[in-house]
Amino acid sequence: MRRKRPTILAWWLRAGGILLGVVLVAYVLVLGVVFFTQREMLYPIVHGNRTPDANGPPIEVVQINTPDQETLVAWYLPPQPGRPTLLFFGGQGGGLSFQSDR
């Protein structure tokens, strides 16, 4: 008995199905990685030195204890006479060590 050769259309359908399967598996893997690492992407852990530059202005490091047992660390530099007072909030992703050039 003679075996039929697959047509070009059947070959393209099979290749397309395999390609679609590979793409779907890759997509599911990417979704899994994003799902399980989303906390690290949204809230990165900031490592760094919490002390101001020793060669810079005389900045005082202030620690504030909160009622929920957290400790906030702030830098304080009194304003110069006749100059405005600035309050700067570093935001989510940066620590004090990343603000030393300000």
N, C-alpha and C. Protein backbone atom coordinates (compact mmCIF):
# COMPACT_ATOMS: atom_id res chain seq x y z
N MET A 1 0.83 -1.16 0.00
CA MET A 1 0.00 0.00 0.00
C MET A 1 0.89 1.24 0.00
N ARG A 2 0.49 2.17 -0.76
CA ARG A 2 1.28 3.38 -0.93
C ARG A 2 0.79 4.45 0.04
N ARG A 3 1.75 5.13 0.70
CA ARG A 3 1.41 6.17 1.66
C ARG A 3 1.24 7.50 0.94
N LYS A 4 0.21 8.29 1.38
CA LYS A 4 -0.03 9.58 0.74
C LYS A 4 0.94 10.61 1.30
N ARG A 5 1.42 11.43 0.44
CA ARG A 5 2.26 12.55 0.86
C ARG A 5 1.37 13.68 1.36
N PRO A 6 1.73 14.27 2.48
CA PRO A 6 0.91 15.38 2.96
C PRO A 6 0.99 16.55 1.99
N THR A 7 -0.10 17.23 1.86
CA THR A 7 -0.13 18.39 0.97
C THR A 7 0.55 19.57 1.65
N ILE A 8 0.84 20.56 0.86
CA ILE A 8 1.49 21.75 1.40
C ILE A 8 0.58 22.44 2.41
N LEU A 9 -0.71 22.44 2.16
CA LEU A 9 -1.65 23.06 3.10
C LEU A 9 -1.61 22.34 4.45
N ALA A 10 -1.59 21.02 4.43
CA ALA A 10 -1.53 20.27 5.68
C ALA A 10 -0.22 20.55 6.42
N TRP A 11 0.86 20.67 5.68
CA TRP A 11 2.15 20.99 6.29
C TRP A 11 2.10 22.36 6.96
N TRP A 12 1.56 23.37 6.28
CA TRP A 12 1.45 24.71 6.85
C TRP A 12 0.53 24.73 8.07
N LEU A 13 -0.54 23.99 8.04
CA LEU A 13 -1.44 23.93 9.20
C LEU A 13 -0.74 23.30 10.41
N ARG A 14 0.00 22.24 10.14
CA ARG A 14 0.73 21.60 11.25
C ARG A 14 1.81 22.54 11.80
N ALA A 15 2.57 23.19 10.93
CA ALA A 15 3.61 24.12 11.36
C ALA A 15 2.99 25.30 12.12
N GLY A 16 1.86 25.80 11.64
CA GLY A 16 1.18 26.90 12.32
C GLY A 16 0.68 26.48 13.69
N GLY A 17 0.16 25.26 13.79
CA GLY A 17 -0.31 24.76 15.09
C GLY A 17 0.82 24.62 16.09
N ILE A 18 1.95 24.11 15.62
CA ILE A 18 3.12 23.98 16.50
C ILE A 18 3.61 25.36 16.95
N LEU A 19 3.68 26.30 16.01
CA LEU A 19 4.12 27.64 16.33
C LEU A 19 3.16 28.30 17.33
N LEU A 20 1.86 28.13 17.13
CA LEU A 20 0.88 28.68 18.04
C LEU A 20 1.03 28.07 19.44
N GLY A 21 1.27 26.78 19.50
CA GLY A 21 1.48 26.12 20.79
C GLY A 21 2.70 26.65 21.51
N VAL A 22 3.79 26.85 20.79
CA VAL A 22 5.02 27.38 21.39
C VAL A 22 4.79 28.80 21.90
N VAL A 23 4.10 29.61 21.12
CA VAL A 23 3.82 30.99 21.53
C VAL A 23 2.93 31.00 22.78
N LEU A 24 1.92 30.15 22.83
CA LEU A 24 1.05 30.09 24.00
C LEU A 24 1.80 29.64 25.26
N VAL A 25 2.67 28.66 25.13
CA VAL A 25 3.45 28.20 26.27
C VAL A 25 4.38 29.32 26.76
N ALA A 26 5.03 30.02 25.84
CA ALA A 26 5.91 31.14 26.22
C ALA A 26 5.11 32.24 26.90
N TYR A 27 3.92 32.52 26.41
CA TYR A 27 3.07 33.55 27.00
C TYR A 27 2.67 33.17 28.43
N VAL A 28 2.29 31.93 28.62
CA VAL A 28 1.92 31.48 29.96
C VAL A 28 3.11 31.54 30.91
N LEU A 29 4.30 31.20 30.43
CA LEU A 29 5.50 31.30 31.27
C LEU A 29 5.79 32.75 31.66
N VAL A 30 5.67 33.67 30.71
CA VAL A 30 5.90 35.08 31.01
C VAL A 30 4.87 35.57 32.02
N LEU A 31 3.61 35.20 31.85
CA LEU A 31 2.58 35.59 32.81
C LEU A 31 2.88 35.04 34.20
N GLY A 32 3.36 33.82 34.28
CA GLY A 32 3.71 33.23 35.57
C GLY A 32 4.84 33.97 36.25
N VAL A 33 5.86 34.31 35.49
CA VAL A 33 6.99 35.05 36.07
C VAL A 33 6.54 36.42 36.56
N VAL A 34 5.73 37.11 35.76
CA VAL A 34 5.24 38.43 36.16
C VAL A 34 4.35 38.31 37.40
N PHE A 35 3.51 37.30 37.45
CA PHE A 35 2.61 37.13 38.60
C PHE A 35 3.40 36.89 39.89
N PHE A 36 4.40 36.03 39.83
CA PHE A 36 5.12 35.68 41.04
C PHE A 36 6.20 36.69 41.44
N THR A 37 6.54 37.62 40.57
CA THR A 37 7.55 38.63 40.91
C THR A 37 6.97 40.04 40.93
N GLN A 38 5.64 40.17 40.90
CA GLN A 38 5.06 41.51 40.83
C GLN A 38 5.36 42.35 42.07
N ARG A 39 5.42 41.76 43.25
CA ARG A 39 5.71 42.54 44.45
C ARG A 39 7.11 43.14 44.37
N GLU A 40 8.09 42.38 43.89
CA GLU A 40 9.45 42.90 43.77
C GLU A 40 9.53 43.99 42.71
N MET A 41 8.70 43.89 41.67
CA MET A 41 8.71 44.92 40.64
C MET A 41 8.06 46.21 41.12
N LEU A 42 7.00 46.10 41.92
CA LEU A 42 6.29 47.28 42.40
C LEU A 42 6.97 47.91 43.60
N TYR A 43 7.50 47.10 44.48
CA TYR A 43 8.09 47.59 45.72
C TYR A 43 9.53 47.08 45.84
N PRO A 44 10.45 47.68 45.10
CA PRO A 44 11.83 47.20 45.16
C PRO A 44 12.45 47.45 46.53
N ILE A 45 13.31 46.55 46.93
CA ILE A 45 14.04 46.71 48.18
C ILE A 45 15.21 47.65 47.91
N VAL A 46 15.26 48.74 48.68
CA VAL A 46 16.30 49.74 48.47
C VAL A 46 17.40 49.50 49.49
N HIS A 47 18.59 49.25 48.98
CA HIS A 47 19.76 49.10 49.85
C HIS A 47 20.62 50.33 49.66
N GLY A 48 21.23 50.75 50.70
CA GLY A 48 22.11 51.90 50.56
C GLY A 48 22.46 52.47 51.91
N ASN A 49 23.33 53.42 51.87
CA ASN A 49 23.80 54.08 53.07
C ASN A 49 22.78 55.12 53.50
N ARG A 50 22.44 55.15 54.78
CA ARG A 50 21.46 56.11 55.28
C ARG A 50 22.11 57.36 55.83
N THR A 51 23.35 57.57 55.60
CA THR A 51 24.02 58.74 56.15
C THR A 51 24.33 59.72 55.02
N PRO A 52 24.19 61.01 55.32
CA PRO A 52 24.52 62.02 54.32
C PRO A 52 26.02 62.07 54.04
N ASP A 53 26.36 62.71 52.99
CA ASP A 53 27.76 62.86 52.60
C ASP A 53 28.50 63.68 53.67
N ALA A 54 29.59 63.14 54.16
CA ALA A 54 30.36 63.81 55.22
C ALA A 54 30.94 65.13 54.74
N ASN A 55 31.20 65.26 53.45
CA ASN A 55 31.77 66.49 52.90
C ASN A 55 30.71 67.50 52.50
N GLY A 56 29.45 67.16 52.67
CA GLY A 56 28.35 68.03 52.28
C GLY A 56 27.92 68.95 53.41
N PRO A 57 26.73 69.52 53.28
CA PRO A 57 26.22 70.41 54.33
C PRO A 57 25.96 69.64 55.62
N PRO A 58 25.85 70.34 56.76
CA PRO A 58 25.68 69.67 58.06
C PRO A 58 24.24 69.14 58.24
N ILE A 59 23.95 68.03 57.63
CA ILE A 59 22.62 67.43 57.69
C ILE A 59 22.52 66.53 58.92
N GLU A 60 21.41 66.67 59.63
CA GLU A 60 21.16 65.86 60.82
C GLU A 60 20.24 64.71 60.44
N VAL A 61 20.58 63.50 60.86
CA VAL A 61 19.74 62.33 60.63
C VAL A 61 18.77 62.21 61.80
N VAL A 62 17.47 62.20 61.50
CA VAL A 62 16.43 62.16 62.51
C VAL A 62 15.64 60.87 62.35
N GLN A 63 15.40 60.18 63.48
CA GLN A 63 14.59 58.97 63.46
C GLN A 63 13.29 59.23 64.21
N ILE A 64 12.18 58.84 63.58
CA ILE A 64 10.85 59.05 64.16
C ILE A 64 10.21 57.68 64.35
N ASN A 65 9.85 57.35 65.58
CA ASN A 65 9.18 56.08 65.87
C ASN A 65 7.67 56.29 65.76
N THR A 66 7.00 55.42 65.01
CA THR A 66 5.57 55.53 64.78
C THR A 66 4.81 54.60 65.73
N PRO A 67 3.51 54.82 65.91
CA PRO A 67 2.71 53.96 66.80
C PRO A 67 2.66 52.50 66.34
N ASP A 68 2.85 52.25 65.06
CA ASP A 68 2.80 50.86 64.57
C ASP A 68 4.18 50.20 64.56
N GLN A 69 5.08 50.70 65.41
CA GLN A 69 6.42 50.12 65.63
C GLN A 69 7.34 50.21 64.41
N GLU A 70 7.11 51.15 63.54
CA GLU A 70 8.01 51.41 62.42
C GLU A 70 8.92 52.57 62.78
N THR A 71 10.06 52.65 62.12
CA THR A 71 10.98 53.76 62.34
C THR A 71 11.18 54.49 61.01
N LEU A 72 10.86 55.76 61.01
CA LEU A 72 11.07 56.59 59.83
C LEU A 72 12.39 57.32 59.99
N VAL A 73 13.17 57.35 58.93
CA VAL A 73 14.46 58.04 58.95
C VAL A 73 14.36 59.26 58.05
N ALA A 74 14.74 60.41 58.57
CA ALA A 74 14.67 61.65 57.80
C ALA A 74 15.98 62.40 57.92
N TRP A 75 16.21 63.25 56.95
CA TRP A 75 17.36 64.15 57.02
C TRP A 75 16.83 65.55 57.27
N TYR A 76 17.50 66.27 58.15
CA TYR A 76 17.06 67.63 58.48
C TYR A 76 18.22 68.60 58.32
N LEU A 77 17.96 69.64 57.58
CA LEU A 77 18.92 70.74 57.43
C LEU A 77 18.14 72.03 57.65
N PRO A 78 18.43 72.76 58.71
CA PRO A 78 17.68 74.00 58.97
C PRO A 78 17.81 74.96 57.79
N PRO A 79 16.73 75.68 57.50
CA PRO A 79 16.81 76.63 56.37
C PRO A 79 17.69 77.82 56.71
N GLN A 80 18.27 78.38 55.69
CA GLN A 80 19.08 79.59 55.89
C GLN A 80 18.14 80.77 56.11
N PRO A 81 18.58 81.77 56.85
CA PRO A 81 17.71 82.93 57.11
C PRO A 81 17.25 83.58 55.80
N GLY A 82 15.96 83.83 55.73
CA GLY A 82 15.40 84.48 54.54
C GLY A 82 15.12 83.52 53.39
N ARG A 83 15.39 82.27 53.57
CA ARG A 83 15.15 81.27 52.51
C ARG A 83 13.94 80.43 52.88
N PRO A 84 13.25 79.88 51.88
CA PRO A 84 12.06 79.07 52.19
C PRO A 84 12.44 77.70 52.76
N THR A 85 11.47 77.10 53.45
CA THR A 85 11.64 75.75 53.99
C THR A 85 11.08 74.77 52.97
N LEU A 86 11.82 73.73 52.66
CA LEU A 86 11.39 72.72 51.70
C LEU A 86 11.16 71.40 52.41
N LEU A 87 10.10 70.73 52.04
CA LEU A 87 9.83 69.39 52.53
C LEU A 87 9.82 68.47 51.33
N PHE A 88 10.72 67.50 51.31
CA PHE A 88 10.88 66.63 50.15
C PHE A 88 10.54 65.20 50.53
N PHE A 89 9.64 64.59 49.77
CA PHE A 89 9.29 63.19 49.95
C PHE A 89 9.92 62.40 48.82
N GLY A 90 10.76 61.43 49.16
CA GLY A 90 11.52 60.69 48.15
C GLY A 90 10.70 59.77 47.27
N GLY A 91 9.56 59.32 47.71
CA GLY A 91 8.75 58.43 46.90
C GLY A 91 9.00 56.98 47.24
N GLN A 92 8.42 56.12 46.44
CA GLN A 92 8.40 54.69 46.72
C GLN A 92 9.74 54.01 46.46
N GLY A 93 10.38 54.31 45.37
CA GLY A 93 11.52 53.52 44.95
C GLY A 93 12.88 54.03 45.37
N GLY A 94 12.95 55.17 46.01
CA GLY A 94 14.25 55.71 46.33
C GLY A 94 14.46 55.85 47.82
N GLY A 95 15.68 55.68 48.23
CA GLY A 95 16.02 55.85 49.62
C GLY A 95 16.79 57.14 49.81
N LEU A 96 17.15 57.40 51.05
CA LEU A 96 17.89 58.62 51.34
C LEU A 96 19.25 58.65 50.65
N SER A 97 19.85 57.50 50.51
CA SER A 97 21.18 57.47 49.89
C SER A 97 21.14 57.89 48.43
N PHE A 98 19.98 57.79 47.80
CA PHE A 98 19.87 58.19 46.40
C PHE A 98 19.60 59.69 46.27
N GLN A 99 19.37 60.39 47.39
CA GLN A 99 19.06 61.81 47.38
C GLN A 99 20.25 62.67 47.79
N SER A 100 21.39 62.08 48.01
CA SER A 100 22.53 62.83 48.55
C SER A 100 22.99 63.95 47.61
N ASP A 101 22.75 63.84 46.32
CA ASP A 101 23.19 64.89 45.40
C ASP A 101 22.25 66.10 45.41
N ARG A 102 21.10 65.98 46.06
CA ARG A 102 20.17 67.11 46.14
C ARG A 102 20.64 68.05 47.22
